[in-house]
C-alpha atoms as a PDB file:
ATOM      1  CA  UNK A   1     -26.074   5.686  -2.252  1.00  0.00           C
ATOM      2  CA  UNK A   2     -27.176   4.708  -5.786  1.00  0.00           C
ATOM      3  CA  UNK A   3     -25.162   4.022  -8.971  1.00  0.00           C
ATOM      4  CA  UNK A   4     -25.550   7.504 -10.469  1.00  0.00           C
ATOM      5  CA  UNK A   5     -24.535   9.235  -7.224  1.00  0.00           C
ATOM      6  CA  UNK A   6     -21.467   6.979  -7.003  1.00  0.00           C
ATOM      7  CA  UNK A   7     -20.537   7.816 -10.525  1.00  0.00           C
ATOM      8  CA  UNK A   8     -20.950  11.609  -9.963  1.00  0.00           C
ATOM      9  CA  UNK A   9     -19.024  11.591  -6.621  1.00  0.00           C
ATOM     10  CA  UNK A  10     -16.088   9.099  -7.443  1.00  0.00           C
ATOM     11  CA  UNK A  11     -13.646  10.146 -10.127  1.00  0.00           C
ATOM     12  CA  UNK A  12     -11.161   8.148 -11.945  1.00  0.00           C
ATOM     13  CA  UNK A  13      -8.475  10.492 -10.550  1.00  0.00           C
ATOM     14  CA  UNK A  14      -9.811   9.456  -7.046  1.00  0.00           C
ATOM     15  CA  UNK A  15      -9.320   5.851  -7.985  1.00  0.00           C
ATOM     16  CA  UNK A  16      -5.762   6.319  -9.363  1.00  0.00           C
ATOM     17  CA  UNK A  17      -4.750   8.140  -6.104  1.00  0.00           C
ATOM     18  CA  UNK A  18      -6.512   5.547  -3.929  1.00  0.00           C
ATOM     19  CA  UNK A  19      -4.765   2.535  -5.627  1.00  0.00           C
ATOM     20  CA  UNK A  20      -1.384   4.330  -5.757  1.00  0.00           C
ATOM     21  CA  UNK A  21      -1.327   4.333  -9.565  1.00  0.00           C
ATOM     22  CA  UNK A  22       1.356   6.805 -10.552  1.00  0.00           C
ATOM     23  CA  UNK A  23       3.462   7.701 -13.675  1.00  0.00           C
ATOM     24  CA  UNK A  24       0.663   8.436 -16.095  1.00  0.00           C
ATOM     25  CA  UNK A  25       1.220  11.306 -18.598  1.00  0.00           C
ATOM     26  CA  UNK A  26      -1.226  14.181 -18.593  1.00  0.00           C
ATOM     27  CA  UNK A  27      -2.190  16.487 -21.407  1.00  0.00           C
ATOM     28  CA  UNK A  28      -5.000  18.702 -20.561  1.00  0.00           C
ATOM     29  CA  UNK A  29      -7.862  16.665 -19.236  1.00  0.00           C
ATOM     30  CA  UNK A  30      -6.459  13.402 -20.641  1.00  0.00           C
ATOM     31  CA  UNK A  31      -4.024  10.862 -18.960  1.00  0.00           C
ATOM     32  CA  UNK A  32      -2.246   8.091 -20.808  1.00  0.00           C
ATOM     33  CA  UNK A  33       0.356   5.332 -19.996  1.00  0.00           C
ATOM     34  CA  UNK A  34       0.639   1.744 -19.521  1.00  0.00           C
ATOM     35  CA  UNK A  35      -2.377  -0.207 -18.321  1.00  0.00           C
ATOM     36  CA  UNK A  36      -2.181  -1.213 -14.585  1.00  0.00           C
ATOM     37  CA  UNK A  37      -5.172  -3.669 -15.061  1.00  0.00           C
ATOM     38  CA  UNK A  38      -3.713  -5.682 -17.948  1.00  0.00           C
ATOM     39  CA  UNK A  39       0.029  -5.213 -17.052  1.00  0.00           C
ATOM     40  CA  UNK A  40       1.009  -4.862 -20.654  1.00  0.00           C
ATOM     41  CA  UNK A  41       4.248  -3.114 -21.910  1.00  0.00           C
ATOM     42  CA  UNK A  42       2.558  -0.727 -24.241  1.00  0.00           C
ATOM     43  CA  UNK A  43       3.291   2.811 -22.774  1.00  0.00           C
ATOM     44  CA  UNK A  44       0.163   4.170 -24.551  1.00  0.00           C
ATOM     45  CA  UNK A  45      -2.307   1.354 -23.946  1.00  0.00           C
ATOM     46  CA  UNK A  46      -4.394   3.138 -21.245  1.00  0.00           C
ATOM     47  CA  UNK A  47      -6.303   6.439 -22.016  1.00  0.00           C
ATOM     48  CA  UNK A  48      -8.338   8.197 -19.413  1.00  0.00           C
ATOM     49  CA  UNK A  49     -10.719  11.219 -20.007  1.00  0.00           C
ATOM     50  CA  UNK A  50     -10.932  13.157 -16.722  1.00  0.00           C
ATOM     51  CA  UNK A  51     -13.720  15.401 -17.842  1.00  0.00           C
ATOM     52  CA  UNK A  52     -15.820  12.512 -19.100  1.00  0.00           C
ATOM     53  CA  UNK A  53     -14.703  10.269 -16.251  1.00  0.00           C
ATOM     54  CA  UNK A  54     -14.118   7.413 -18.674  1.00  0.00           C
ATOM     55  CA  UNK A  55     -11.237   5.094 -19.499  1.00  0.00           C
ATOM     56  CA  UNK A  56     -10.105   2.754 -22.290  1.00  0.00           C
ATOM     57  CA  UNK A  57      -7.439   0.117 -22.655  1.00  0.00           C
ATOM     58  CA  UNK A  58      -6.255  -0.486 -26.248  1.00  0.00           C
ATOM     59  CA  UNK A  59      -4.491  -3.722 -25.131  1.00  0.00           C
ATOM     60  CA  UNK A  60      -7.850  -5.529 -24.639  1.00  0.00           C
ATOM     61  CA  UNK A  61     -10.028  -2.844 -26.441  1.00  0.00           C
ATOM     62  CA  UNK A  62     -12.029  -2.461 -23.373  1.00  0.00           C
ATOM     63  CA  UNK A  63     -12.969   0.380 -20.990  1.00  0.00           C
ATOM     64  CA  UNK A  64     -15.773   2.136 -19.228  1.00  0.00           C
ATOM     65  CA  UNK A  65     -16.531   4.184 -16.136  1.00  0.00           C
ATOM     66  CA  UNK A  66     -15.280   4.092 -12.456  1.00  0.00           C
ATOM     67  CA  UNK A  67     -17.252   0.960 -11.616  1.00  0.00           C
ATOM     68  CA  UNK A  68     -15.967  -0.968 -14.585  1.00  0.00           C
ATOM     69  CA  UNK A  69     -12.425   0.162 -13.597  1.00  0.00           C
ATOM     70  CA  UNK A  70     -12.860  -1.273 -10.148  1.00  0.00           C
ATOM     71  CA  UNK A  71     -14.404  -4.448 -11.535  1.00  0.00           C
ATOM     72  CA  UNK A  72     -11.415  -5.022 -13.803  1.00  0.00           C
ATOM     73  CA  UNK A  73      -8.664  -3.945 -11.236  1.00  0.00           C
ATOM     74  CA  UNK A  74     -10.137  -5.859  -8.355  1.00  0.00           C
ATOM     75  CA  UNK A  75     -11.486  -8.722 -10.421  1.00  0.00           C
ATOM     76  CA  UNK A  76     -14.873  -8.474  -8.865  1.00  0.00           C
ATOM     77  CA  UNK A  77     -18.486  -8.514 -10.022  1.00  0.00           C
ATOM     78  CA  UNK A  78     -20.679  -5.327 -10.413  1.00  0.00           C
ATOM     79  CA  UNK A  79     -22.393  -5.571  -7.057  1.00  0.00           C
ATOM     80  CA  UNK A  80     -18.928  -6.014  -5.294  1.00  0.00           C
ATOM     81  CA  UNK A  81     -17.692  -3.013  -7.139  1.00  0.00           C
ATOM     82  CA  UNK A  82     -20.537  -0.927  -6.001  1.00  0.00           C
ATOM     83  CA  UNK A  83     -19.768  -2.080  -2.417  1.00  0.00           C
ATOM     84  CA  UNK A  84     -16.029  -1.157  -2.837  1.00  0.00           C
ATOM     85  CA  UNK A  85     -16.963   2.278  -4.291  1.00  0.00           C
ATOM     86  CA  UNK A  86     -19.235   2.965  -1.364  1.00  0.00           C
ATOM     87  CA  UNK A  87     -16.597   2.088   1.141  1.00  0.00           C
ATOM     88  CA  UNK A  88     -14.023   4.226  -0.714  1.00  0.00           C
ATOM     89  CA  UNK A  89     -16.348   7.077  -0.492  1.00  0.00           C
ATOM     90  CA  UNK A  90     -17.457   6.610   3.099  1.00  0.00           C
ATOM     91  CA  UNK A  91     -14.875   4.748   4.959  1.00  0.00           C
ATOM     92  CA  UNK A  92     -11.361   6.372   5.142  1.00  0.00           C
ATOM     93  CA  UNK A  93      -9.900   3.166   6.663  1.00  0.00           C
ATOM     94  CA  UNK A  94     -11.048   0.859   3.900  1.00  0.00           C
ATOM     95  CA  UNK A  95      -8.184  -0.608   1.948  1.00  0.00           C
ATOM     96  CA  UNK A  96      -8.594  -2.079  -1.553  1.00  0.00           C
ATOM     97  CA  UNK A  97      -7.165  -5.639  -2.012  1.00  0.00           C
ATOM     98  CA  UNK A  98      -5.908  -6.267  -5.568  1.00  0.00           C
ATOM     99  CA  UNK A  99      -3.146  -8.802  -6.168  1.00  0.00           C
ATOM    100  CA  UNK A 100      -2.126  -8.738  -9.759  1.00  0.00           C
ATOM    101  CA  UNK A 101      -2.536 -12.051 -11.484  1.00  0.00           C
ATOM    102  CA  UNK A 102       0.653 -14.068 -11.720  1.00  0.00           C
ATOM    103  CA  UNK A 103      -0.096 -15.373 -15.348  1.00  0.00           C
ATOM    104  CA  UNK A 104       0.267 -11.997 -16.722  1.00  0.00           C
ATOM    105  CA  UNK A 105       3.482 -10.801 -18.448  1.00  0.00           C
ATOM    106  CA  UNK A 106       5.586  -8.821 -15.860  1.00  0.00           C
ATOM    107  CA  UNK A 107       5.948  -5.110 -16.379  1.00  0.00           C
ATOM    108  CA  UNK A 108       9.464  -3.707 -16.695  1.00  0.00           C
ATOM    109  CA  UNK A 109      10.990  -2.783 -13.467  1.00  0.00           C
ATOM    110  CA  UNK A 110      10.359   0.879 -12.572  1.00  0.00           C
ATOM    111  CA  UNK A 111      13.201   2.608 -10.642  1.00  0.00           C
ATOM    112  CA  UNK A 112      12.459   5.178  -7.969  1.00  0.00           C
ATOM    113  CA  UNK A 113      15.515   7.424  -8.047  1.00  0.00           C
ATOM    114  CA  UNK A 114      17.044   8.371  -4.681  1.00  0.00           C
ATOM    115  CA  UNK A 115      15.962  11.669  -3.406  1.00  0.00           C
ATOM    116  CA  UNK A 116      18.426  14.568  -3.288  1.00  0.00           C
ATOM    117  CA  UNK A 117      16.957  16.136  -0.219  1.00  0.00           C
ATOM    118  CA  UNK A 118      15.723  15.297   3.326  1.00  0.00           C
ATOM    119  CA  UNK A 119      12.734  16.838   5.014  1.00  0.00           C
ATOM    120  CA  UNK A 120      13.088  18.699   8.351  1.00  0.00           C
ATOM    121  CA  UNK A 121      10.467  17.038  10.560  1.00  0.00           C
ATOM    122  CA  UNK A 122       9.168  17.644  14.022  1.00  0.00           C
ATOM    123  CA  UNK A 123       9.382  14.183  15.851  1.00  0.00           C
ATOM    124  CA  UNK A 124       7.460  15.574  18.924  1.00  0.00           C
ATOM    125  CA  UNK A 125       4.151  16.074  17.382  1.00  0.00           C
ATOM    126  CA  UNK A 126       1.312  14.972  19.696  1.00  0.00           C
ATOM    127  CA  UNK A 127      -0.302  12.784  17.046  1.00  0.00           C
ATOM    128  CA  UNK A 128       2.629  10.361  17.253  1.00  0.00           C
ATOM    129  CA  UNK A 129       2.212  10.062  21.070  1.00  0.00           C
ATOM    130  CA  UNK A 130      -1.565   9.479  20.588  1.00  0.00           C
ATOM    131  CA  UNK A 131      -0.718   6.533  18.283  1.00  0.00           C
ATOM    132  CA  UNK A 132       1.325   5.031  21.137  1.00  0.00           C
ATOM    133  CA  UNK A 133       4.813   5.522  19.545  1.00  0.00           C
ATOM    134  CA  UNK A 134       7.865   5.980  21.652  1.00  0.00           C
ATOM    135  CA  UNK A 135      10.594   8.507  21.027  1.00  0.00           C
ATOM    136  CA  UNK A 136      12.944   5.720  20.270  1.00  0.00           C
ATOM    137  CA  UNK A 137      10.666   4.237  17.589  1.00  0.00           C
ATOM    138  CA  UNK A 138       9.950   7.680  16.099  1.00  0.00           C
ATOM    139  CA  UNK A 139      13.710   8.399  15.694  1.00  0.00           C
ATOM    140  CA  UNK A 140      14.501   4.911  14.461  1.00  0.00           C
ATOM    141  CA  UNK A 141      12.019   5.353  11.497  1.00  0.00           C
ATOM    142  CA  UNK A 142      12.815   9.110  11.089  1.00  0.00           C
ATOM    143  CA  UNK A 143       9.153  10.052  11.170  1.00  0.00           C
ATOM    144  CA  UNK A 144       7.719  13.563  12.132  1.00  0.00           C
ATOM    145  CA  UNK A 145       5.288  16.304  11.327  1.00  0.00           C
ATOM    146  CA  UNK A 146       6.035  18.186   8.211  1.00  0.00           C
ATOM    147  CA  UNK A 147       5.406  21.959   8.189  1.00  0.00           C
ATOM    148  CA  UNK A 148       5.959  22.804   4.497  1.00  0.00           C
ATOM    149  CA  UNK A 149       5.709  21.513   0.978  1.00  0.00           C
ATOM    150  CA  UNK A 150       3.183  18.996  -0.432  1.00  0.00           C
ATOM    151  CA  UNK A 151       3.124  17.090   2.761  1.00  0.00           C
ATOM    152  CA  UNK A 152       2.476  20.257   4.843  1.00  0.00           C
ATOM    153  CA  UNK A 153       0.333  19.363   7.916  1.00  0.00           C
ATOM    154  CA  UNK A 154       0.865  15.577   7.762  1.00  0.00           C
ATOM    155  CA  UNK A 155       3.241  13.057   9.431  1.00  0.00           C
ATOM    156  CA  UNK A 156       5.966  12.390   6.895  1.00  0.00           C
ATOM    157  CA  UNK A 157       7.291   8.817   6.796  1.00  0.00           C
ATOM    158  CA  UNK A 158      10.640   8.192   4.975  1.00  0.00           C
ATOM    159  CA  UNK A 159      10.489   5.353   2.390  1.00  0.00           C
ATOM    160  CA  UNK A 160      13.771   3.479   1.407  1.00  0.00           C
ATOM    161  CA  UNK A 161      14.295   0.948  -1.371  1.00  0.00           C
ATOM    162  CA  UNK A 162      15.967  -2.434  -0.678  1.00  0.00           C
ATOM    163  CA  UNK A 163      19.410  -0.918  -0.865  1.00  0.00           C
ATOM    164  CA  UNK A 164      18.637   1.737   1.793  1.00  0.00           C
ATOM    165  CA  UNK A 165      18.289   4.716  -0.599  1.00  0.00           C
ATOM    166  CA  UNK A 166      15.737   7.253   0.471  1.00  0.00           C
ATOM    167  CA  UNK A 167      13.212   7.392  -2.432  1.00  0.00           C
ATOM    168  CA  UNK A 168      10.195   9.069  -1.163  1.00  0.00           C
ATOM    169  CA  UNK A 169       8.092  10.338   1.835  1.00  0.00           C
ATOM    170  CA  UNK A 170       4.561   9.188   2.543  1.00  0.00           C
ATOM    171  CA  UNK A 171       2.348  11.822   4.181  1.00  0.00           C
ATOM    172  CA  UNK A 172      -0.166  10.474   6.753  1.00  0.00           C
ATOM    173  CA  UNK A 173      -3.203  12.782   7.374  1.00  0.00           C
ATOM    174  CA  UNK A 174      -3.758  13.681  11.092  1.00  0.00           C
ATOM    175  CA  UNK A 175      -7.260  14.863  10.327  1.00  0.00           C
ATOM    176  CA  UNK A 176     -10.029  13.469   8.127  1.00  0.00           C
ATOM    177  CA  UNK A 177      -8.434  14.927   5.130  1.00  0.00           C
ATOM    178  CA  UNK A 178      -8.255  12.659   2.035  1.00  0.00           C
ATOM    179  CA  UNK A 179      -6.395  10.741   0.916  1.00  0.00           C
ATOM    180  CA  UNK A 180      -5.328   9.265   4.177  1.00  0.00           C
ATOM    181  CA  UNK A 181      -1.792   8.720   2.711  1.00  0.00           C
ATOM    182  CA  UNK A 182      -0.257  11.060   0.210  1.00  0.00           C
ATOM    183  CA  UNK A 183       2.637   9.911  -1.969  1.00  0.00           C
ATOM    184  CA  UNK A 184       4.698  12.030  -4.296  1.00  0.00           C
ATOM    185  CA  UNK A 185       3.893  12.259  -8.070  1.00  0.00           C
ATOM    186  CA  UNK A 186       5.996   9.720  -9.829  1.00  0.00           C
ATOM    187  CA  UNK A 187       6.837   7.401  -6.885  1.00  0.00           C
ATOM    188  CA  UNK A 188       5.926   3.836  -7.751  1.00  0.00           C
ATOM    189  CA  UNK A 189       5.251   2.089  -4.384  1.00  0.00           C
ATOM    190  CA  UNK A 190       4.624  -1.213  -6.168  1.00  0.00           C
ATOM    191  CA  UNK A 191       8.456  -1.622  -6.503  1.00  0.00           C
ATOM    192  CA  UNK A 192       9.112  -1.073  -2.792  1.00  0.00           C
ATOM    193  CA  UNK A 193       8.653  -3.024   0.441  1.00  0.00           C
ATOM    194  CA  UNK A 194       8.691  -0.646   3.491  1.00  0.00           C
ATOM    195  CA  UNK A 195      11.478  -1.391   6.017  1.00  0.00           C
ATOM    196  CA  UNK A 196      12.981  -4.080   3.883  1.00  0.00           C
ATOM    197  CA  UNK A 197      16.502  -2.576   3.890  1.00  0.00           C
ATOM    198  CA  UNK A 198      16.622  -2.767   7.678  1.00  0.00           C
ATOM    199  CA  UNK A 199      15.272  -6.363   7.862  1.00  0.00           C
ATOM    200  CA  UNK A 200      17.848  -7.505   5.321  1.00  0.00           C
ATOM    201  CA  UNK A 201      20.543  -6.502   7.903  1.00  0.00           C
ATOM    202  CA  UNK A 202      18.946  -8.490  10.733  1.00  0.00           C
ATOM    203  CA  UNK A 203      20.056 -11.951  11.487  1.00  0.00           C
ATOM    204  CA  UNK A 204      16.617 -13.417  12.006  1.00  0.00           C
ATOM    205  CA  UNK A 205      15.184 -16.573  10.310  1.00  0.00           C
ATOM    206  CA  UNK A 206      11.699 -15.007  10.136  1.00  0.00           C
ATOM    207  CA  UNK A 207      10.065 -11.880   8.605  1.00  0.00           C
ATOM    208  CA  UNK A 208       6.714 -10.533   9.651  1.00  0.00           C
ATOM    209  CA  UNK A 209       4.558  -9.069   6.788  1.00  0.00           C
ATOM    210  CA  UNK A 210       1.936  -6.412   7.577  1.00  0.00           C
ATOM    211  CA  UNK A 211      -0.040  -3.934   5.649  1.00  0.00           C
ATOM    212  CA  UNK A 212       0.549  -0.483   7.057  1.00  0.00           C
ATOM    213  CA  UNK A 213       3.274   1.837   8.298  1.00  0.00           C
ATOM    214  CA  UNK A 214       1.949   2.092  11.813  1.00  0.00           C
ATOM    215  CA  UNK A 215       1.526  -1.834  11.994  1.00  0.00           C
ATOM    216  CA  UNK A 216       5.222  -1.894  11.186  1.00  0.00           C
ATOM    217  CA  UNK A 217       6.135   0.806  13.871  1.00  0.00           C
ATOM    218  CA  UNK A 218       4.114  -0.943  16.709  1.00  0.00           C
ATOM    219  CA  UNK A 219       5.381  -4.425  15.931  1.00  0.00           C
ATOM    220  CA  UNK A 220       9.023  -3.133  15.863  1.00  0.00           C
ATOM    221  CA  UNK A 221       8.275  -1.369  19.113  1.00  0.00           C
ATOM    222  CA  UNK A 222       7.007  -4.542  20.680  1.00  0.00           C
ATOM    223  CA  UNK A 223      10.383  -6.141  20.103  1.00  0.00           C
ATOM    224  CA  UNK A 224      10.081  -7.455  16.561  1.00  0.00           C
ATOM    225  CA  UNK A 225      12.422  -5.518  14.202  1.00  0.00           C
ATOM    226  CA  UNK A 226      11.994  -8.279  11.555  1.00  0.00           C
ATOM    227  CA  UNK A 227       8.807  -6.593  10.189  1.00  0.00           C
ATOM    228  CA  UNK A 228       8.066  -5.225   6.681  1.00  0.00           C
ATOM    229  CA  UNK A 229       4.988  -3.328   5.317  1.00  0.00           C
ATOM    230  CA  UNK A 230       3.390  -3.865   1.920  1.00  0.00           C
ATOM    231  CA  UNK A 231       1.805  -0.344   2.137  1.00  0.00           C
ATOM    232  CA  UNK A 232      -1.537  -2.036   1.467  1.00  0.00           C
ATOM    233  CA  UNK A 233      -2.814  -5.630   1.243  1.00  0.00           C
ATOM    234  CA  UNK A 234      -1.891  -6.049  -2.524  1.00  0.00           C
ATOM    235  CA  UNK A 235       1.480  -7.226  -3.799  1.00  0.00           C
ATOM    236  CA  UNK A 236       3.075  -7.066  -7.195  1.00  0.00           C
ATOM    237  CA  UNK A 237       5.490  -9.529  -8.784  1.00  0.00           C
ATOM    238  CA  UNK A 238       8.384  -7.119  -8.100  1.00  0.00           C
ATOM    239  CA  UNK A 239       7.455  -7.032  -4.391  1.00  0.00           C
ATOM    240  CA  UNK A 240       6.855 -10.783  -4.160  1.00  0.00           C
ATOM    241  CA  UNK A 241      10.387 -11.348  -5.582  1.00  0.00           C
ATOM    242  CA  UNK A 242      11.955  -8.951  -3.077  1.00  0.00           C
ATOM    243  CA  UNK A 243      10.454 -11.027  -0.200  1.00  0.00           C
ATOM    244  CA  UNK A 244      11.487 -14.336  -1.817  1.00  0.00           C
ATOM    245  CA  UNK A 245      15.084 -13.128  -2.080  1.00  0.00           C
ATOM    246  CA  UNK A 246      15.147 -12.806   1.745  1.00  0.00           C
ATOM    247  CA  UNK A 247      14.740 -16.666   1.886  1.00  0.00           C
ATOM    248  CA  UNK A 248      13.196 -16.452   5.379  1.00  0.00           C
ATOM    249  CA  UNK A 249      10.245 -17.988   7.084  1.00  0.00           C
ATOM    250  CA  UNK A 250       7.220 -15.822   6.588  1.00  0.00           C
ATOM    251  CA  UNK A 251       4.507 -14.647   9.103  1.00  0.00           C
ATOM    252  CA  UNK A 252       1.463 -13.015   7.631  1.00  0.00           C
ATOM    253  CA  UNK A 253      -0.303 -10.575   9.862  1.00  0.00           C
ATOM    254  CA  UNK A 254      -2.746  -8.581   7.779  1.00  0.00           C
ATOM    255  CA  UNK A 255      -5.746  -6.610   9.062  1.00  0.00           C
ATOM    256  CA  UNK A 256      -8.794  -8.473  10.383  1.00  0.00           C
ATOM    257  CA  UNK A 257     -11.303  -7.088   7.861  1.00  0.00           C
ATOM    258  CA  UNK A 258     -12.548  -8.631   4.555  1.00  0.00           C
ATOM    259  CA  UNK A 259      -9.788  -7.005   2.531  1.00  0.00           C
ATOM    260  CA  UNK A 260      -7.157  -8.348   4.810  1.00  0.00           C
ATOM    261  CA  UNK A 261      -8.679 -11.823   4.799  1.00  0.00           C
ATOM    262  CA  UNK A 262      -8.729 -11.959   1.062  1.00  0.00           C
ATOM    263  CA  UNK A 263      -5.192 -10.385   0.869  1.00  0.00           C
ATOM    264  CA  UNK A 264      -3.886 -13.123   3.334  1.00  0.00           C
ATOM    265  CA  UNK A 265      -5.403 -15.819   1.183  1.00  0.00           C
ATOM    266  CA  UNK A 266      -3.862 -14.515  -2.058  1.00  0.00           C
ATOM    267  CA  UNK A 267      -0.401 -13.914  -0.279  1.00  0.00           C
ATOM    268  CA  UNK A 268      -0.472 -17.537   0.891  1.00  0.00           C
ATOM    269  CA  UNK A 269      -1.151 -18.766  -2.600  1.00  0.00           C
ATOM    270  CA  UNK A 270       1.993 -16.974  -3.760  1.00  0.00           C
ATOM    271  CA  UNK A 271       4.390 -17.928  -1.072  1.00  0.00           C
ATOM    272  CA  UNK A 272       3.219 -21.245   0.606  1.00  0.00           C
ATOM    273  CA  UNK A 273       4.935 -23.427  -1.951  1.00  0.00           C
ATOM    274  CA  UNK A 274       8.147 -21.514  -1.879  1.00  0.00           C
ATOM    275  CA  UNK A 275       8.931 -20.512   1.781  1.00  0.00           C
ATOM    276  CA  UNK A 276       7.842 -21.722   5.271  1.00  0.00           C
ATOM    277  CA  UNK A 277       4.673 -19.859   6.134  1.00  0.00           C
ATOM    278  CA  UNK A 278       2.667 -19.000   9.209  1.00  0.00           C
ATOM    279  CA  UNK A 279      -0.560 -17.084   9.139  1.00  0.00           C
ATOM    280  CA  UNK A 280      -1.834 -15.009  12.088  1.00  0.00           C
ATOM    281  CA  UNK A 281      -5.527 -13.967  12.035  1.00  0.00           C
ATOM    282  CA  UNK A 282      -6.907 -10.922  13.941  1.00  0.00           C
ATOM    283  CA  UNK A 283     -10.388 -10.531  15.190  1.00  0.00           C
ATOM    284  CA  UNK A 284     -12.876  -8.686  12.692  1.00  0.00           C
ATOM    285  CA  UNK A 285     -12.039  -5.055  12.273  1.00  0.00           C
ATOM    286  CA  UNK A 286      -8.789  -5.213  14.177  1.00  0.00           C
ATOM    287  CA  UNK A 287      -5.421  -3.906  12.854  1.00  0.00           C
ATOM    288  CA  UNK A 288      -2.009  -4.943  14.389  1.00  0.00           C
ATOM    289  CA  UNK A 289      -1.302  -1.334  15.387  1.00  0.00           C
ATOM    290  CA  UNK A 290      -4.348  -1.367  17.581  1.00  0.00           C
ATOM    291  CA  UNK A 291      -3.140  -4.237  19.702  1.00  0.00           C
ATOM    292  CA  UNK A 292      -1.269  -3.658  23.054  1.00  0.00           C
ATOM    293  CA  UNK A 293       2.390  -4.610  23.220  1.00  0.00           C
ATOM    294  CA  UNK A 294       1.624  -7.630  25.350  1.00  0.00           C
ATOM    295  CA  UNK A 295      -0.922  -8.847  22.825  1.00  0.00           C
ATOM    296  CA  UNK A 296       1.503  -8.459  19.906  1.00  0.00           C
ATOM    297  CA  UNK A 297       4.166 -10.363  21.954  1.00  0.00           C
ATOM    298  CA  UNK A 298       1.757 -13.182  22.805  1.00  0.00           C
ATOM    299  CA  UNK A 299       0.633 -13.252  19.225  1.00  0.00           C
ATOM    300  CA  UNK A 300       4.068 -13.443  17.616  1.00  0.00           C
ATOM    301  CA  UNK A 301       6.121 -15.288  20.251  1.00  0.00           C
ATOM    302  CA  UNK A 302       7.403 -18.809  19.419  1.00  0.00           C
ATOM    303  CA  UNK A 303       5.393 -21.345  17.660  1.00  0.00           C
ATOM    304  CA  UNK A 304       5.166 -18.692  14.922  1.00  0.00           C
END
């Protein structure tokens, strides 16, 4: 897949959806808002032309196409950006790994307002059984198959903020439909740590940090309820502070792929000087939810 084919197939809207960048204002074929790359406070810094597939940030007077966006957002070179773009287009399980630089000015906290409704979900869908989840785990997390609305045909996962307020549902595709995870418009997942509200109520000196929802489900099911998920391998300053406020020993268990390795390295840089930290590495290409229960128990028991 050459450069021109990548540019023709990959849109900036695809990248925004893929990286979970929400909250931009739309007028016709144009988007505008604060810049997720430079983390400035200017609410009009970033402008995106969807029909031209170009972006420009007035904070740094810089912009370009989809590849330059990946280069800036992920802080990689051109060849690495090409590789990431190819993986985004071809590998539905590939996850970007961007941790915002800590020397940038923090963005104002964005609040995800509590939802005024609850979805009626089917907890007995066969997909959940195929993923190895028990009825008890399904009911504990309140997940199930959604039959209507924007998450129709997907597994809906309730997301709560640190105070236990239901703020969103994530929709997991059960086919090859993209995106693999769908989040509602306006939801800012960079302000939330999945399952944090439950872990806060647990008297345990440790907290296990994973990337994905199903990693969290399977580790909880294996007897470790003290687990939270980043919903990716990136972390924002708000999320880091939420974890620091727990004041617990940390266990990093990210995916065993290049993105997970890089994410582990950067998370360690953030936390190792502030909290006791243990890192657990998985074999290449392995995710925590793919391990058997006995393997998870052996991996996480004592000496952690």
